[in-house]
């Protein structure tokens, strides 16, 4: 799930960068940083599936 959030943030950051858009505090740099944070959490195993069936 976090990987999808990161992908969406990166897409929005790309659109902001290409269009030259900046909304007050939300810039392309902020969105890239948030996407990298989501990717780091995903790779660390945070936000994984709550359904675990062990044997």
C-alpha atoms as a PDB file:
ATOM      1  CA  UNK A   1       0.000   0.000   0.000  1.00  0.00           C
ATOM      2  CA  UNK A   2       2.776   2.425   0.864  1.00  0.00           C
ATOM      3  CA  UNK A   3       4.440   1.701  -2.463  1.00  0.00           C
ATOM      4  CA  UNK A   4       1.274   2.825  -4.272  1.00  0.00           C
ATOM      5  CA  UNK A   5       1.124   5.979  -2.158  1.00  0.00           C
ATOM      6  CA  UNK A   6       4.759   6.685  -3.027  1.00  0.00           C
ATOM      7  CA  UNK A   7       4.050   6.154  -6.735  1.00  0.00           C
ATOM      8  CA  UNK A   8       1.133   8.594  -6.623  1.00  0.00           C
ATOM      9  CA  UNK A   9       3.238  11.176  -4.765  1.00  0.00           C
ATOM     10  CA  UNK A  10       6.010  10.831  -7.340  1.00  0.00           C
ATOM     11  CA  UNK A  11       3.471  11.256 -10.160  1.00  0.00           C
ATOM     12  CA  UNK A  12       2.049  14.407  -8.579  1.00  0.00           C
ATOM     13  CA  UNK A  13       5.581  15.722  -8.001  1.00  0.00           C
ATOM     14  CA  UNK A  14       6.402  15.118 -11.673  1.00  0.00           C
ATOM     15  CA  UNK A  15       3.292  16.975 -12.789  1.00  0.00           C
ATOM     16  CA  UNK A  16       4.098  19.863 -10.428  1.00  0.00           C
ATOM     17  CA  UNK A  17       7.659  20.003 -11.736  1.00  0.00           C
ATOM     18  CA  UNK A  18       6.673  19.897 -15.413  1.00  0.00           C
ATOM     19  CA  UNK A  19       3.898  22.460 -15.016  1.00  0.00           C
ATOM     20  CA  UNK A  20       5.876  24.703 -12.683  1.00  0.00           C
ATOM     21  CA  UNK A  21       3.144  24.554 -10.050  1.00  0.00           C
ATOM     22  CA  UNK A  22       3.758  25.399  -6.404  1.00  0.00           C
ATOM     23  CA  UNK A  23       0.971  25.541  -3.844  1.00  0.00           C
ATOM     24  CA  UNK A  24       2.165  27.473  -0.759  1.00  0.00           C
ATOM     25  CA  UNK A  25       4.001  24.763   1.196  1.00  0.00           C
ATOM     26  CA  UNK A  26       3.361  21.899  -1.238  1.00  0.00           C
ATOM     27  CA  UNK A  27       6.127  21.867  -3.830  1.00  0.00           C
ATOM     28  CA  UNK A  28       7.593  19.111  -5.968  1.00  0.00           C
ATOM     29  CA  UNK A  29      10.447  18.736  -3.467  1.00  0.00           C
ATOM     30  CA  UNK A  30       8.037  18.157  -0.581  1.00  0.00           C
ATOM     31  CA  UNK A  31       6.151  15.534  -2.591  1.00  0.00           C
ATOM     32  CA  UNK A  32       9.382  13.738  -3.549  1.00  0.00           C
ATOM     33  CA  UNK A  33      10.467  13.728   0.097  1.00  0.00           C
ATOM     34  CA  UNK A  34       7.095  12.298   1.158  1.00  0.00           C
ATOM     35  CA  UNK A  35       7.344   9.651  -1.575  1.00  0.00           C
ATOM     36  CA  UNK A  36      10.825   8.669  -0.447  1.00  0.00           C
ATOM     37  CA  UNK A  37       9.581   8.403   3.133  1.00  0.00           C
ATOM     38  CA  UNK A  38       6.769   6.075   2.003  1.00  0.00           C
ATOM     39  CA  UNK A  39       9.234   3.962   0.025  1.00  0.00           C
ATOM     40  CA  UNK A  40      11.576   3.725   3.020  1.00  0.00           C
ATOM     41  CA  UNK A  41       8.702   2.631   5.265  1.00  0.00           C
ATOM     42  CA  UNK A  42       7.583   0.097   2.654  1.00  0.00           C
ATOM     43  CA  UNK A  43      11.078  -1.370   2.373  1.00  0.00           C
ATOM     44  CA  UNK A  44      11.319  -1.509   6.170  1.00  0.00           C
ATOM     45  CA  UNK A  45       8.172  -3.639   6.255  1.00  0.00           C
ATOM     46  CA  UNK A  46       5.858  -1.057   7.809  1.00  0.00           C
ATOM     47  CA  UNK A  47       2.279  -1.094   6.558  1.00  0.00           C
ATOM     48  CA  UNK A  48       2.321  -4.687   5.412  1.00  0.00           C
ATOM     49  CA  UNK A  49      -0.688  -6.892   5.204  1.00  0.00           C
ATOM     50  CA  UNK A  50      -2.489  -7.424   8.503  1.00  0.00           C
ATOM     51  CA  UNK A  51      -3.517 -10.934   7.425  1.00  0.00           C
ATOM     52  CA  UNK A  52      -0.836 -13.415   8.377  1.00  0.00           C
ATOM     53  CA  UNK A  53      -1.476 -17.107   8.368  1.00  0.00           C
ATOM     54  CA  UNK A  54       1.368 -19.046   9.878  1.00  0.00           C
ATOM     55  CA  UNK A  55       1.848 -22.766  10.167  1.00  0.00           C
END
